[in-house]
Amino acid sequence: MAYIVGALIFGIFGWAAFRRGRKTQDQSMTWGGVALMVYPYAVSQTWLLWAIGVGLTGWLFSRWR
């Protein structure tokens, strides 16, 4: 259950970052959003999903202007 919730949360954050990156034409924000949406398909462990998701979300949050 924690895996599904994490995948949904990080997918939504990734979608928002992708949209923001496309709107502002910030390539790092766009590709960071894509990475945040796609990486749950490559990770099978819950703790790794949350660790990578928190790291990517924090990085995107620091780039948000």
PDB file of N, CA and C in Angstrom:
ATOM      1  N   MET A   1       0.825  -1.198   0.000  1.00  0.00           N
ATOM      2  CA  MET A   1       0.000   0.000   0.000  1.00  0.00           C
ATOM      3  C   MET A   1       0.871   1.263   0.000  1.00  0.00           C
ATOM      4  N   ALA A   2       1.963   1.257   0.766  1.00  0.00           N
ATOM      5  CA  ALA A   2       2.847   2.425   0.821  1.00  0.00           C
ATOM      6  C   ALA A   2       3.496   2.687  -0.528  1.00  0.00           C
ATOM      7  N   TYR A   3       3.753   1.637  -1.281  1.00  0.00           N
ATOM      8  CA  TYR A   3       4.344   1.792  -2.612  1.00  0.00           C
ATOM      9  C   TYR A   3       3.373   2.500  -3.553  1.00  0.00           C
ATOM     10  N   ILE A   4       2.132   2.082  -3.546  1.00  0.00           N
ATOM     11  CA  ILE A   4       1.126   2.682  -4.429  1.00  0.00           C
ATOM     12  C   ILE A   4       0.897   4.148  -4.072  1.00  0.00           C
ATOM     13  N   VAL A   5       0.807   4.443  -2.787  1.00  0.00           N
ATOM     14  CA  VAL A   5       0.610   5.827  -2.348  1.00  0.00           C
ATOM     15  C   VAL A   5       1.797   6.682  -2.770  1.00  0.00           C
ATOM     16  N   GLY A   6       3.009   6.169  -2.569  1.00  0.00           N
ATOM     17  CA  GLY A   6       4.209   6.915  -2.971  1.00  0.00           C
ATOM     18  C   GLY A   6       4.266   7.148  -4.460  1.00  0.00           C
ATOM     19  N   ALA A   7       3.933   6.125  -5.244  1.00  0.00           N
ATOM     20  CA  ALA A   7       3.945   6.273  -6.700  1.00  0.00           C
ATOM     21  C   ALA A   7       2.933   7.326  -7.144  1.00  0.00           C
ATOM     22  N   LEU A   8       1.782   7.359  -6.529  1.00  0.00           N
ATOM     23  CA  LEU A   8       0.766   8.369  -6.872  1.00  0.00           C
ATOM     24  C   LEU A   8       1.210   9.777  -6.472  1.00  0.00           C
ATOM     25  N   ILE A   9       1.725   9.913  -5.280  1.00  0.00           N
ATOM     26  CA  ILE A   9       2.162  11.232  -4.804  1.00  0.00           C
ATOM     27  C   ILE A   9       3.280  11.776  -5.681  1.00  0.00           C
ATOM     28  N   PHE A  10       4.309  10.961  -5.929  1.00  0.00           N
ATOM     29  CA  PHE A  10       5.432  11.442  -6.716  1.00  0.00           C
ATOM     30  C   PHE A  10       5.055  11.619  -8.184  1.00  0.00           C
ATOM     31  N   GLY A  11       4.102  10.852  -8.668  1.00  0.00           N
ATOM     32  CA  GLY A  11       3.605  11.050 -10.025  1.00  0.00           C
ATOM     33  C   GLY A  11       2.897  12.385 -10.179  1.00  0.00           C
ATOM     34  N   ILE A  12       2.125  12.756  -9.181  1.00  0.00           N
ATOM     35  CA  ILE A  12       1.425  14.047  -9.214  1.00  0.00           C
ATOM     36  C   ILE A  12       2.423  15.199  -9.135  1.00  0.00           C
ATOM     37  N   PHE A  13       3.415  15.082  -8.237  1.00  0.00           N
ATOM     38  CA  PHE A  13       4.452  16.114  -8.155  1.00  0.00           C
ATOM     39  C   PHE A  13       5.239  16.202  -9.455  1.00  0.00           C
ATOM     40  N   GLY A  14       5.524  15.056 -10.056  1.00  0.00           N
ATOM     41  CA  GLY A  14       6.237  15.031 -11.327  1.00  0.00           C
ATOM     42  C   GLY A  14       5.442  15.686 -12.434  1.00  0.00           C
ATOM     43  N   TRP A  15       4.152  15.424 -12.467  1.00  0.00           N
ATOM     44  CA  TRP A  15       3.284  16.034 -13.473  1.00  0.00           C
ATOM     45  C   TRP A  15       3.266  17.556 -13.312  1.00  0.00           C
ATOM     46  N   ALA A  16       3.181  18.030 -12.062  1.00  0.00           N
ATOM     47  CA  ALA A  16       3.177  19.473 -11.806  1.00  0.00           C
ATOM     48  C   ALA A  16       4.506  20.096 -12.223  1.00  0.00           C
ATOM     49  N   ALA A  17       5.610  19.433 -11.920  1.00  0.00           N
ATOM     50  CA  ALA A  17       6.920  19.952 -12.313  1.00  0.00           C
ATOM     51  C   ALA A  17       7.080  19.937 -13.824  1.00  0.00           C
ATOM     52  N   PHE A  18       6.588  18.906 -14.474  1.00  0.00           N
ATOM     53  CA  PHE A  18       6.647  18.832 -15.932  1.00  0.00           C
ATOM     54  C   PHE A  18       5.879  19.980 -16.564  1.00  0.00           C
ATOM     55  N   ARG A  19       4.677  20.221 -16.080  1.00  0.00           N
ATOM     56  CA  ARG A  19       3.857  21.320 -16.607  1.00  0.00           C
ATOM     57  C   ARG A  19       4.526  22.668 -16.375  1.00  0.00           C
ATOM     58  N   ARG A  20       5.096  22.849 -15.194  1.00  0.00           N
ATOM     59  CA  ARG A  20       5.787  24.104 -14.873  1.00  0.00           C
ATOM     60  C   ARG A  20       7.014  24.288 -15.769  1.00  0.00           C
ATOM     61  N   GLY A  21       7.754  23.210 -15.983  1.00  0.00           N
ATOM     62  CA  GLY A  21       8.929  23.275 -16.840  1.00  0.00           C
ATOM     63  C   GLY A  21       8.581  23.599 -18.280  1.00  0.00           C
ATOM     64  N   ARG A  22       7.496  23.025 -18.775  1.00  0.00           N
ATOM     65  CA  ARG A  22       7.065  23.320 -20.151  1.00  0.00           C
ATOM     66  C   ARG A  22       6.590  24.770 -20.275  1.00  0.00           C
ATOM     67  N   LYS A  23       5.905  25.247 -19.252  1.00  0.00           N
ATOM     68  CA  LYS A  23       5.377  26.608 -19.286  1.00  0.00           C
ATOM     69  C   LYS A  23       6.502  27.644 -19.243  1.00  0.00           C
ATOM     70  N   THR A  24       7.510  27.409 -18.407  1.00  0.00           N
ATOM     71  CA  THR A  24       8.613  28.357 -18.251  1.00  0.00           C
ATOM     72  C   THR A  24       9.796  28.032 -19.151  1.00  0.00           C
ATOM     73  N   GLN A  25       9.706  26.953 -19.911  1.00  0.00           N
ATOM     74  CA  GLN A  25      10.765  26.481 -20.800  1.00  0.00           C
ATOM     75  C   GLN A  25      12.063  26.201 -20.043  1.00  0.00           C
ATOM     76  N   ASP A  26      11.930  25.647 -18.839  1.00  0.00           N
ATOM     77  CA  ASP A  26      13.070  25.235 -18.018  1.00  0.00           C
ATOM     78  C   ASP A  26      13.285  23.731 -18.234  1.00  0.00           C
ATOM     79  N   GLN A  27      14.317  23.379 -18.987  1.00  0.00           N
ATOM     80  CA  GLN A  27      14.551  21.986 -19.354  1.00  0.00           C
ATOM     81  C   GLN A  27      14.818  21.098 -18.137  1.00  0.00           C
ATOM     82  N   SER A  28      15.539  21.597 -17.152  1.00  0.00           N
ATOM     83  CA  SER A  28      15.828  20.761 -15.989  1.00  0.00           C
ATOM     84  C   SER A  28      14.555  20.458 -15.199  1.00  0.00           C
ATOM     85  N   MET A  29      13.652  21.403 -15.136  1.00  0.00           N
ATOM     86  CA  MET A  29      12.378  21.175 -14.451  1.00  0.00           C
ATOM     87  C   MET A  29      11.531  20.179 -15.239  1.00  0.00           C
ATOM     88  N   THR A  30      11.523  20.322 -16.558  1.00  0.00           N
ATOM     89  CA  THR A  30      10.751  19.419 -17.409  1.00  0.00           C
ATOM     90  C   THR A  30      11.245  17.986 -17.271  1.00  0.00           C
ATOM     91  N   TRP A  31      12.544  17.780 -17.432  1.00  0.00           N
ATOM     92  CA  TRP A  31      13.093  16.421 -17.361  1.00  0.00           C
ATOM     93  C   TRP A  31      13.079  15.873 -15.939  1.00  0.00           C
ATOM     94  N   GLY A  32      13.196  16.743 -14.943  1.00  0.00           N
ATOM     95  CA  GLY A  32      13.050  16.296 -13.558  1.00  0.00           C
ATOM     96  C   GLY A  32      11.641  15.792 -13.289  1.00  0.00           C
ATOM     97  N   GLY A  33      10.663  16.479 -13.856  1.00  0.00           N
ATOM     98  CA  GLY A  33       9.274  16.028 -13.735  1.00  0.00           C
ATOM     99  C   GLY A  33       9.051  14.700 -14.419  1.00  0.00           C
ATOM    100  N   VAL A  34       9.640  14.524 -15.604  1.00  0.00           N
ATOM    101  CA  VAL A  34       9.534  13.243 -16.313  1.00  0.00           C
ATOM    102  C   VAL A  34      10.176  12.135 -15.480  1.00  0.00           C
ATOM    103  N   ALA A  35      11.346  12.414 -14.927  1.00  0.00           N
ATOM    104  CA  ALA A  35      12.030  11.417 -14.102  1.00  0.00           C
ATOM    105  C   ALA A  35      11.183  11.038 -12.889  1.00  0.00           C
ATOM    106  N   LEU A  36      10.568  12.022 -12.274  1.00  0.00           N
ATOM    107  CA  LEU A  36       9.735  11.768 -11.100  1.00  0.00           C
ATOM    108  C   LEU A  36       8.500  10.955 -11.440  1.00  0.00           C
ATOM    109  N   MET A  37       7.982  11.119 -12.644  1.00  0.00           N
ATOM    110  CA  MET A  37       6.808  10.343 -13.052  1.00  0.00           C
ATOM    111  C   MET A  37       7.169   8.919 -13.475  1.00  0.00           C
ATOM    112  N   VAL A  38       8.364   8.716 -14.025  1.00  0.00           N
ATOM    113  CA  VAL A  38       8.714   7.439 -14.640  1.00  0.00           C
ATOM    114  C   VAL A  38       9.468   6.487 -13.710  1.00  0.00           C
ATOM    115  N   TYR A  39      10.263   7.015 -12.786  1.00  0.00           N
ATOM    116  CA  TYR A  39      11.129   6.148 -12.001  1.00  0.00           C
ATOM    117  C   TYR A  39      10.398   5.074 -11.182  1.00  0.00           C
ATOM    118  N   PRO A  40       9.138   5.251 -10.753  1.00  0.00           N
ATOM    119  CA  PRO A  40       8.496   4.159 -10.012  1.00  0.00           C
ATOM    120  C   PRO A  40       8.379   2.860 -10.814  1.00  0.00           C
ATOM    121  N   TYR A  41       8.411   2.954 -12.145  1.00  0.00           N
ATOM    122  CA  TYR A  41       8.352   1.747 -12.959  1.00  0.00           C
ATOM    123  C   TYR A  41       9.656   0.959 -12.913  1.00  0.00           C
ATOM    124  N   ALA A  42      10.751   1.603 -12.547  1.00  0.00           N
ATOM    125  CA  ALA A  42      12.058   0.947 -12.521  1.00  0.00           C
ATOM    126  C   ALA A  42      12.474   0.503 -11.121  1.00  0.00           C
ATOM    127  N   VAL A  43      11.740   0.909 -10.099  1.00  0.00           N
ATOM    128  CA  VAL A  43      12.101   0.608  -8.712  1.00  0.00           C
ATOM    129  C   VAL A  43      11.053  -0.327  -8.124  1.00  0.00           C
ATOM    130  N   SER A  44      11.517  -1.394  -7.476  1.00  0.00           N
ATOM    131  CA  SER A  44      10.559  -2.351  -6.928  1.00  0.00           C
ATOM    132  C   SER A  44      10.498  -2.345  -5.400  1.00  0.00           C
ATOM    133  N   GLN A  45      11.432  -1.690  -4.752  1.00  0.00           N
ATOM    134  CA  GLN A  45      11.447  -1.666  -3.288  1.00  0.00           C
ATOM    135  C   GLN A  45      10.830  -0.368  -2.776  1.00  0.00           C
ATOM    136  N   THR A  46       9.994  -0.492  -1.769  1.00  0.00           N
ATOM    137  CA  THR A  46       9.257   0.660  -1.250  1.00  0.00           C
ATOM    138  C   THR A  46      10.193   1.705  -0.667  1.00  0.00           C
ATOM    139  N   TRP A  47      11.185   1.294   0.113  1.00  0.00           N
ATOM    140  CA  TRP A  47      12.072   2.267   0.742  1.00  0.00           C
ATOM    141  C   TRP A  47      12.874   3.037  -0.309  1.00  0.00           C
ATOM    142  N   LEU A  48      13.235   2.377  -1.393  1.00  0.00           N
ATOM    143  CA  LEU A  48      13.978   3.026  -2.460  1.00  0.00           C
ATOM    144  C   LEU A  48      13.078   4.001  -3.225  1.00  0.00           C
ATOM    145  N   LEU A  49      11.831   3.628  -3.426  1.00  0.00           N
ATOM    146  CA  LEU A  49      10.872   4.520  -4.069  1.00  0.00           C
ATOM    147  C   LEU A  49      10.754   5.815  -3.287  1.00  0.00           C
ATOM    148  N   TRP A  50      10.601   5.714  -1.970  1.00  0.00           N
ATOM    149  CA  TRP A  50      10.440   6.897  -1.133  1.00  0.00           C
ATOM    150  C   TRP A  50      11.728   7.707  -1.058  1.00  0.00           C
ATOM    151  N   ALA A  51      12.879   7.042  -0.984  1.00  0.00           N
ATOM    152  CA  ALA A  51      14.162   7.757  -0.899  1.00  0.00           C
ATOM    153  C   ALA A  51      14.428   8.559  -2.173  1.00  0.00           C
ATOM    154  N   ILE A  52      14.266   7.937  -3.314  1.00  0.00           N
ATOM    155  CA  ILE A  52      14.491   8.635  -4.581  1.00  0.00           C
ATOM    156  C   ILE A  52      13.441   9.727  -4.779  1.00  0.00           C
ATOM    157  N   GLY A  53      12.210   9.435  -4.442  1.00  0.00           N
ATOM    158  CA  GLY A  53      11.136  10.411  -4.602  1.00  0.00           C
ATOM    159  C   GLY A  53      11.329  11.657  -3.757  1.00  0.00           C
ATOM    160  N   VAL A  54      11.735  11.469  -2.522  1.00  0.00           N
ATOM    161  CA  VAL A  54      11.977  12.622  -1.649  1.00  0.00           C
ATOM    162  C   VAL A  54      13.163  13.427  -2.169  1.00  0.00           C
ATOM    163  N   GLY A  55      14.206  12.733  -2.631  1.00  0.00           N
ATOM    164  CA  GLY A  55      15.378  13.425  -3.176  1.00  0.00           C
ATOM    165  C   GLY A  55      15.048  14.226  -4.423  1.00  0.00           C
ATOM    166  N   LEU A  56      14.357  13.611  -5.362  1.00  0.00           N
ATOM    167  CA  LEU A  56      13.981  14.317  -6.594  1.00  0.00           C
ATOM    168  C   LEU A  56      13.006  15.457  -6.320  1.00  0.00           C
ATOM    169  N   THR A  57      12.059  15.234  -5.431  1.00  0.00           N
ATOM    170  CA  THR A  57      11.095  16.286  -5.098  1.00  0.00           C
ATOM    171  C   THR A  57      11.795  17.465  -4.429  1.00  0.00           C
ATOM    172  N   GLY A  58      12.728  17.177  -3.537  1.00  0.00           N
ATOM    173  CA  GLY A  58      13.491  18.250  -2.897  1.00  0.00           C
ATOM    174  C   GLY A  58      14.308  19.040  -3.894  1.00  0.00           C
ATOM    175  N   TRP A  59      14.929  18.330  -4.841  1.00  0.00           N
ATOM    176  CA  TRP A  59      15.706  19.018  -5.873  1.00  0.00           C
ATOM    177  C   TRP A  59      14.818  19.890  -6.745  1.00  0.00           C
ATOM    178  N   LEU A  60      13.659  19.365  -7.152  1.00  0.00           N
ATOM    179  CA  LEU A  60      12.735  20.161  -7.958  1.00  0.00           C
ATOM    180  C   LEU A  60      12.182  21.356  -7.180  1.00  0.00           C
ATOM    181  N   PHE A  61      11.921  21.143  -5.881  1.00  0.00           N
ATOM    182  CA  PHE A  61      11.421  22.229  -5.054  1.00  0.00           C
ATOM    183  C   PHE A  61      12.450  23.349  -4.957  1.00  0.00           C
ATOM    184  N   SER A  62      13.746  22.993  -4.901  1.00  0.00           N
ATOM    185  CA  SER A  62      14.779  24.018  -4.818  1.00  0.00           C
ATOM    186  C   SER A  62      14.924  24.778  -6.139  1.00  0.00           C
ATOM    187  N   ARG A  63      14.537  24.180  -7.260  1.00  0.00           N
ATOM    188  CA  ARG A  63      14.608  24.822  -8.567  1.00  0.00           C
ATOM    189  C   ARG A  63      13.351  25.617  -8.910  1.00  0.00           C
ATOM    190  N   TRP A  64      12.279  25.417  -8.163  1.00  0.00           N
ATOM    191  CA  TRP A  64      11.003  26.087  -8.417  1.00  0.00           C
ATOM    192  C   TRP A  64      11.171  27.589  -8.142  1.00  0.00           C
ATOM    193  N   ARG A  65      10.836  28.422  -9.095  1.00  0.00           N
ATOM    194  CA  ARG A  65      11.014  29.873  -8.911  1.00  0.00           C
ATOM    195  C   ARG A  65       9.696  30.571  -8.958  1.00  0.00           C
TER     196      ARG A  65
END
